[in-house]
Amino acid sequence: MSLTHWLVVAVLVLLLFGRGKISELMGDMAKGIKSFKKGLAEDDDVAENMSQRSPQTIEHRADQPVRSSVGSVDSQKS
């Protein structure tokens, strides 16, 4: 496309949306990008904290049955 086509498109966009609306949209877009980057940084921090913690062992005695809150297979057959 030539420069003339881009100028016509730019003028039409300005006429349709107005100066204030375009700047408002760009401000909202900038806020969204900042929020996205902040979320990525928080995820990195959480992952780093998880990798720095020592692994935890689960204490369980083999002679005690494990009970689930969902229910056993036998109770679902009835």
Protein backbone atom coordinates (compact mmCIF):
# COMPACT_ATOMS: atom_id res chain seq x y z
CA MET A 1 0.00 0.00 0.00
CA SER A 2 1.17 3.47 -0.70
CA LEU A 3 1.58 6.35 1.71
CA THR A 4 -1.65 7.91 0.47
CA HIS A 5 -3.63 4.81 1.43
CA TRP A 6 -2.18 4.84 4.96
CA LEU A 7 -3.00 8.55 5.34
CA VAL A 8 -6.61 7.95 4.28
CA VAL A 9 -6.91 5.07 6.76
CA ALA A 10 -5.40 7.21 9.55
CA VAL A 11 -7.82 10.07 8.84
CA LEU A 12 -10.80 7.71 8.83
CA VAL A 13 -9.73 6.18 12.15
CA LEU A 14 -9.37 9.64 13.69
CA LEU A 15 -12.78 10.67 12.40
CA LEU A 16 -14.47 7.51 13.66
CA PHE A 17 -12.89 7.25 17.09
CA GLY A 18 -11.67 10.77 17.85
CA ARG A 19 -8.42 11.74 19.52
CA GLY A 20 -9.57 11.09 23.08
CA LYS A 21 -10.91 7.62 22.41
CA ILE A 22 -7.68 6.46 20.71
CA SER A 23 -5.51 7.70 23.57
CA GLU A 24 -7.88 6.05 26.06
CA LEU A 25 -7.65 2.75 24.17
CA MET A 26 -3.85 2.94 24.10
CA GLY A 27 -3.79 3.67 27.84
CA ASP A 28 -5.98 0.64 28.51
CA MET A 29 -3.71 -1.47 26.32
CA ALA A 30 -0.65 -0.28 28.26
CA LYS A 31 -2.34 -1.17 31.57
CA GLY A 32 -3.13 -4.63 30.24
CA ILE A 33 0.47 -5.20 29.16
CA LYS A 34 1.79 -4.04 32.54
CA SER A 35 -0.65 -6.33 34.34
CA PHE A 36 0.40 -9.26 32.14
CA LYS A 37 4.09 -8.64 32.82
CA LYS A 38 3.39 -8.35 36.57
CA GLY A 39 1.56 -11.68 36.50
CA LEU A 40 4.48 -13.33 34.73
CA ALA A 41 6.91 -11.94 37.31
CA GLU A 42 4.72 -13.22 40.17
CA ASP A 43 4.60 -16.69 38.61
CA ASP A 44 8.40 -16.70 38.37
CA ASP A 45 8.67 -15.72 42.04
CA VAL A 46 6.28 -18.49 43.11
CA ALA A 47 8.17 -21.07 41.04
CA GLU A 48 11.48 -19.90 42.52
CA ASN A 49 10.12 -20.14 46.07
CA MET A 50 8.78 -23.63 45.40
CA SER A 51 12.15 -24.82 44.07
CA GLN A 52 14.01 -23.43 47.11
CA ARG A 53 11.88 -25.32 49.64
CA SER A 54 13.08 -28.69 50.80
CA PRO A 55 10.94 -31.69 49.88
CA GLN A 56 8.52 -32.82 52.56
CA THR A 57 7.92 -36.42 53.47
CA ILE A 58 4.46 -37.80 54.10
CA GLU A 59 4.13 -39.87 57.23
CA HIS A 60 1.96 -42.96 56.83
CA ARG A 61 1.95 -46.30 58.55
CA ALA A 62 1.48 -49.34 56.35
CA ASP A 63 -0.84 -51.03 58.86
CA GLN A 64 -3.39 -48.18 58.73
CA PRO A 65 -5.86 -48.09 55.80
CA VAL A 66 -5.98 -44.95 53.71
CA ARG A 67 -9.40 -43.29 53.72
CA SER A 68 -10.54 -41.03 50.92
CA SER A 69 -13.25 -38.41 51.18
CA VAL A 70 -14.75 -39.44 47.82
CA GLY A 71 -15.88 -42.87 48.88
CA SER A 72 -14.81 -46.38 48.16
CA VAL A 73 -15.52 -48.41 45.04
CA ASP A 74 -17.72 -50.81 47.05
CA SER A 75 -20.06 -48.04 48.16
CA GLN A 76 -20.48 -46.85 44.55
CA LYS A 77 -21.64 -50.30 43.33
CA SER A 78 -24.71 -50.33 45.61
